[in-house]
């Protein structure tokens, strides 16, 4: 945040820094961090990833594949308007 002065001038927004060792000045951030630590304890290992080839599809390609799948066209509303 060395350029906070430039950011303040460019955006017309004030930037505030909390004092070191003063977590009460960080309100919601500290509360959220505490809740996350309480309900999601540290995992000893990283999640397992399959050894298959990575899928390099874009989000649009994945969405199109899902919408064009037979399950999406089984008579239920699929969100697409069919050509007449």
N, C-alpha and C. Protein backbone atom coordinates (compact mmCIF):
# COMPACT_ATOMS: atom_id res chain seq x y z
N UNK A 1 0.82 -1.20 0.00
CA UNK A 1 0.00 0.00 0.00
C UNK A 1 0.87 1.26 0.00
N UNK A 2 2.03 1.14 -0.58
CA UNK A 2 2.92 2.29 -0.64
C UNK A 2 2.33 3.42 -1.45
N UNK A 3 1.45 3.10 -2.37
CA UNK A 3 0.86 4.13 -3.23
C UNK A 3 -0.55 4.52 -2.78
N UNK A 4 -0.85 4.37 -1.49
CA UNK A 4 -2.20 4.67 -1.03
C UNK A 4 -2.58 6.13 -1.25
N UNK A 5 -1.62 7.03 -1.23
CA UNK A 5 -1.91 8.44 -1.49
C UNK A 5 -2.38 8.65 -2.92
N UNK A 6 -1.72 7.99 -3.87
CA UNK A 6 -2.11 8.09 -5.28
C UNK A 6 -3.49 7.48 -5.50
N UNK A 7 -3.76 6.35 -4.82
CA UNK A 7 -5.06 5.70 -4.95
C UNK A 7 -6.16 6.60 -4.40
N UNK A 8 -5.89 7.24 -3.27
CA UNK A 8 -6.86 8.15 -2.67
C UNK A 8 -7.19 9.29 -3.62
N UNK A 9 -6.17 9.87 -4.26
CA UNK A 9 -6.41 10.97 -5.19
C UNK A 9 -7.15 10.49 -6.44
N UNK A 10 -6.79 9.33 -6.96
CA UNK A 10 -7.40 8.84 -8.20
C UNK A 10 -8.85 8.40 -8.01
N UNK A 11 -9.19 7.87 -6.84
CA UNK A 11 -10.53 7.32 -6.62
C UNK A 11 -11.41 8.20 -5.75
N UNK A 12 -10.84 9.23 -5.14
CA UNK A 12 -11.55 10.10 -4.22
C UNK A 12 -12.15 9.31 -3.05
N UNK A 13 -11.42 8.27 -2.63
CA UNK A 13 -11.81 7.45 -1.49
C UNK A 13 -10.73 7.53 -0.43
N UNK A 14 -11.14 7.55 0.82
CA UNK A 14 -10.18 7.54 1.92
C UNK A 14 -9.71 6.12 2.18
N UNK A 15 -8.44 5.96 2.50
CA UNK A 15 -7.88 4.67 2.85
C UNK A 15 -7.40 4.75 4.29
N UNK A 16 -7.82 3.79 5.09
CA UNK A 16 -7.47 3.77 6.51
C UNK A 16 -6.62 2.54 6.81
N UNK A 17 -5.69 2.70 7.73
CA UNK A 17 -4.87 1.60 8.20
C UNK A 17 -5.10 1.43 9.68
N UNK A 18 -5.20 0.20 10.13
CA UNK A 18 -5.36 -0.04 11.56
C UNK A 18 -3.98 0.00 12.21
N UNK A 19 -3.97 0.26 13.52
CA UNK A 19 -2.72 0.28 14.27
C UNK A 19 -2.22 -1.14 14.49
N UNK A 20 -0.91 -1.36 14.43
CA UNK A 20 -0.38 -2.70 14.68
C UNK A 20 -0.78 -3.20 16.07
N UNK A 21 -1.05 -4.47 16.17
CA UNK A 21 -1.40 -5.12 17.44
C UNK A 21 -2.68 -4.56 18.05
N UNK A 22 -3.61 -4.11 17.20
CA UNK A 22 -4.90 -3.58 17.65
C UNK A 22 -6.02 -4.26 16.87
N UNK A 23 -6.26 -5.54 17.12
CA UNK A 23 -7.25 -6.27 16.32
C UNK A 23 -8.66 -5.72 16.46
N UNK A 24 -8.99 -5.04 17.53
CA UNK A 24 -10.34 -4.51 17.71
C UNK A 24 -10.64 -3.43 16.67
N UNK A 25 -9.61 -2.88 16.03
CA UNK A 25 -9.83 -1.88 14.99
C UNK A 25 -10.19 -2.54 13.66
N UNK A 26 -10.08 -3.86 13.60
CA UNK A 26 -10.33 -4.57 12.35
C UNK A 26 -11.67 -5.30 12.39
N UNK A 27 -12.50 -5.02 13.30
CA UNK A 27 -13.86 -5.53 13.47
C UNK A 27 -14.26 -6.76 12.70
N UNK A 28 -14.91 -6.58 11.59
CA UNK A 28 -15.50 -7.71 10.88
C UNK A 28 -14.44 -8.66 10.34
N UNK A 29 -13.27 -8.17 10.00
CA UNK A 29 -12.21 -9.04 9.50
C UNK A 29 -11.78 -10.02 10.58
N UNK A 30 -11.57 -9.53 11.78
CA UNK A 30 -11.14 -10.41 12.88
C UNK A 30 -12.26 -11.38 13.25
N UNK A 31 -13.50 -10.91 13.25
CA UNK A 31 -14.62 -11.78 13.57
C UNK A 31 -14.74 -12.90 12.55
N UNK A 32 -14.64 -12.55 11.28
CA UNK A 32 -14.72 -13.55 10.22
C UNK A 32 -13.58 -14.55 10.32
N UNK A 33 -12.38 -14.06 10.55
CA UNK A 33 -11.22 -14.96 10.68
C UNK A 33 -11.41 -15.91 11.85
N UNK A 34 -11.91 -15.42 12.94
CA UNK A 34 -12.15 -16.27 14.11
C UNK A 34 -13.18 -17.35 13.83
N UNK A 35 -14.26 -16.98 13.14
CA UNK A 35 -15.29 -17.96 12.80
C UNK A 35 -14.74 -19.01 11.84
N UNK A 36 -13.97 -18.58 10.87
CA UNK A 36 -13.38 -19.54 9.94
C UNK A 36 -12.46 -20.52 10.66
N UNK A 37 -11.64 -20.01 11.58
CA UNK A 37 -10.75 -20.89 12.34
C UNK A 37 -11.54 -21.85 13.22
N UNK A 38 -12.68 -21.40 13.73
CA UNK A 38 -13.49 -22.25 14.60
C UNK A 38 -14.16 -23.38 13.82
N UNK A 39 -14.75 -23.06 12.68
CA UNK A 39 -15.55 -24.04 11.95
C UNK A 39 -14.79 -24.79 10.86
N UNK A 40 -13.64 -24.26 10.43
CA UNK A 40 -12.83 -24.92 9.41
C UNK A 40 -11.40 -25.04 9.92
N UNK A 41 -11.14 -26.04 10.76
CA UNK A 41 -9.78 -26.18 11.29
C UNK A 41 -8.79 -26.48 10.17
N UNK A 42 -7.53 -26.22 10.44
CA UNK A 42 -6.49 -26.44 9.44
C UNK A 42 -6.46 -27.91 9.03
N UNK A 43 -6.36 -28.12 7.74
CA UNK A 43 -6.24 -29.48 7.22
C UNK A 43 -4.77 -29.86 7.19
N UNK A 44 -4.44 -31.09 7.58
CA UNK A 44 -3.04 -31.49 7.61
C UNK A 44 -2.44 -31.65 6.21
N UNK A 45 -3.27 -31.92 5.20
CA UNK A 45 -2.77 -32.08 3.84
C UNK A 45 -3.66 -31.31 2.88
N UNK A 46 -3.16 -31.09 1.70
CA UNK A 46 -3.96 -30.42 0.69
C UNK A 46 -4.96 -31.40 0.11
N UNK A 47 -6.04 -30.90 -0.49
CA UNK A 47 -7.05 -31.81 -1.04
C UNK A 47 -6.46 -32.66 -2.17
N UNK A 48 -7.00 -33.85 -2.31
CA UNK A 48 -6.54 -34.77 -3.35
C UNK A 48 -7.05 -34.32 -4.71
N UNK A 49 -6.20 -34.42 -5.69
CA UNK A 49 -6.57 -34.10 -7.06
C UNK A 49 -6.39 -35.35 -7.87
N UNK A 50 -7.36 -35.60 -8.76
CA UNK A 50 -7.27 -36.81 -9.57
C UNK A 50 -6.04 -36.74 -10.46
N UNK A 51 -5.54 -37.90 -10.82
CA UNK A 51 -4.34 -37.95 -11.64
C UNK A 51 -4.65 -37.86 -13.13
N UNK A 52 -5.92 -37.67 -13.48
CA UNK A 52 -6.31 -37.56 -14.89
C UNK A 52 -5.77 -36.28 -15.51
N UNK A 53 -5.99 -36.17 -16.81
CA UNK A 53 -5.55 -34.96 -17.51
C UNK A 53 -6.33 -33.76 -17.01
N UNK A 54 -5.67 -32.62 -16.92
CA UNK A 54 -6.39 -31.42 -16.50
C UNK A 54 -7.40 -31.00 -17.57
N UNK A 55 -8.48 -30.38 -17.14
CA UNK A 55 -9.52 -29.92 -18.06
C UNK A 55 -9.27 -28.45 -18.35
N UNK A 56 -8.90 -28.13 -19.57
CA UNK A 56 -8.56 -26.76 -19.93
C UNK A 56 -9.74 -26.02 -20.53
N UNK A 57 -10.95 -26.49 -20.33
CA UNK A 57 -12.13 -25.84 -20.90
C UNK A 57 -12.38 -24.52 -20.19
N UNK A 58 -12.89 -23.57 -20.95
CA UNK A 58 -13.26 -22.28 -20.37
C UNK A 58 -14.60 -22.43 -19.66
N UNK A 59 -14.95 -21.51 -18.77
CA UNK A 59 -16.26 -21.59 -18.11
C UNK A 59 -17.41 -21.63 -19.11
N UNK A 60 -17.30 -20.87 -20.19
CA UNK A 60 -18.36 -20.86 -21.19
C UNK A 60 -18.49 -22.23 -21.85
N UNK A 61 -17.37 -22.88 -22.16
CA UNK A 61 -17.40 -24.21 -22.76
C UNK A 61 -18.03 -25.23 -21.81
N UNK A 62 -17.70 -25.16 -20.52
CA UNK A 62 -18.27 -26.07 -19.54
C UNK A 62 -19.78 -25.87 -19.40
N UNK A 63 -20.21 -24.59 -19.35
CA UNK A 63 -21.64 -24.29 -19.23
C UNK A 63 -22.40 -24.80 -20.45
N UNK A 64 -21.85 -24.57 -21.64
CA UNK A 64 -22.49 -25.05 -22.86
C UNK A 64 -22.61 -26.56 -22.85
N UNK A 65 -21.57 -27.26 -22.40
CA UNK A 65 -21.61 -28.72 -22.33
C UNK A 65 -22.69 -29.20 -21.37
N UNK A 66 -22.84 -28.52 -20.25
CA UNK A 66 -23.86 -28.91 -19.27
C UNK A 66 -25.25 -28.65 -19.84
N UNK A 67 -25.44 -27.49 -20.46
CA UNK A 67 -26.76 -27.15 -20.99
C UNK A 67 -27.14 -28.02 -22.19
N UNK A 68 -26.15 -28.47 -22.94
CA UNK A 68 -26.43 -29.32 -24.10
C UNK A 68 -26.49 -30.80 -23.76
N UNK A 69 -26.25 -31.16 -22.51
CA UNK A 69 -26.25 -32.57 -22.12
C UNK A 69 -27.69 -33.10 -22.14
N UNK A 70 -27.85 -34.42 -22.33
CA UNK A 70 -29.20 -35.00 -22.34
C UNK A 70 -29.98 -34.74 -21.05
N UNK A 71 -29.30 -34.69 -19.93
CA UNK A 71 -29.99 -34.46 -18.65
C UNK A 71 -30.63 -33.07 -18.62
N UNK A 72 -30.02 -32.10 -19.30
CA UNK A 72 -30.57 -30.75 -19.31
C UNK A 72 -31.75 -30.64 -20.26
N UNK A 73 -31.89 -31.60 -21.17
CA UNK A 73 -32.96 -31.55 -22.17
C UNK A 73 -34.00 -32.64 -21.96
N UNK A 74 -34.22 -33.05 -20.73
CA UNK A 74 -35.15 -34.15 -20.45
C UNK A 74 -36.59 -33.69 -20.23
N UNK A 75 -36.94 -32.54 -20.78
CA UNK A 75 -38.30 -32.04 -20.63
C UNK A 75 -38.45 -31.04 -19.52
N UNK A 76 -37.42 -30.92 -18.69
CA UNK A 76 -37.46 -29.91 -17.64
C UNK A 76 -37.00 -28.59 -18.21
N UNK A 77 -37.29 -27.51 -17.50
CA UNK A 77 -36.86 -26.20 -17.96
C UNK A 77 -35.35 -26.15 -17.90
N UNK A 78 -34.71 -25.89 -19.02
CA UNK A 78 -33.26 -25.85 -19.06
C UNK A 78 -32.73 -24.43 -19.15
N UNK A 79 -33.61 -23.46 -19.25
CA UNK A 79 -33.15 -22.08 -19.33
C UNK A 79 -32.89 -21.63 -20.76
N UNK A 80 -33.07 -22.53 -21.73
CA UNK A 80 -32.85 -22.18 -23.12
C UNK A 80 -34.19 -22.21 -23.87
N UNK A 81 -34.32 -21.36 -24.83
CA UNK A 81 -35.51 -21.33 -25.67
C UNK A 81 -35.20 -22.17 -26.90
N UNK A 82 -36.00 -23.21 -27.14
CA UNK A 82 -35.77 -24.08 -28.28
C UNK A 82 -36.28 -23.43 -29.55
N UNK A 83 -35.56 -23.68 -30.65
CA UNK A 83 -36.00 -23.18 -31.96
C UNK A 83 -37.26 -23.89 -32.38
N UNK A 84 -38.15 -23.18 -33.06
CA UNK A 84 -39.41 -23.79 -33.49
C UNK A 84 -39.33 -24.31 -34.88
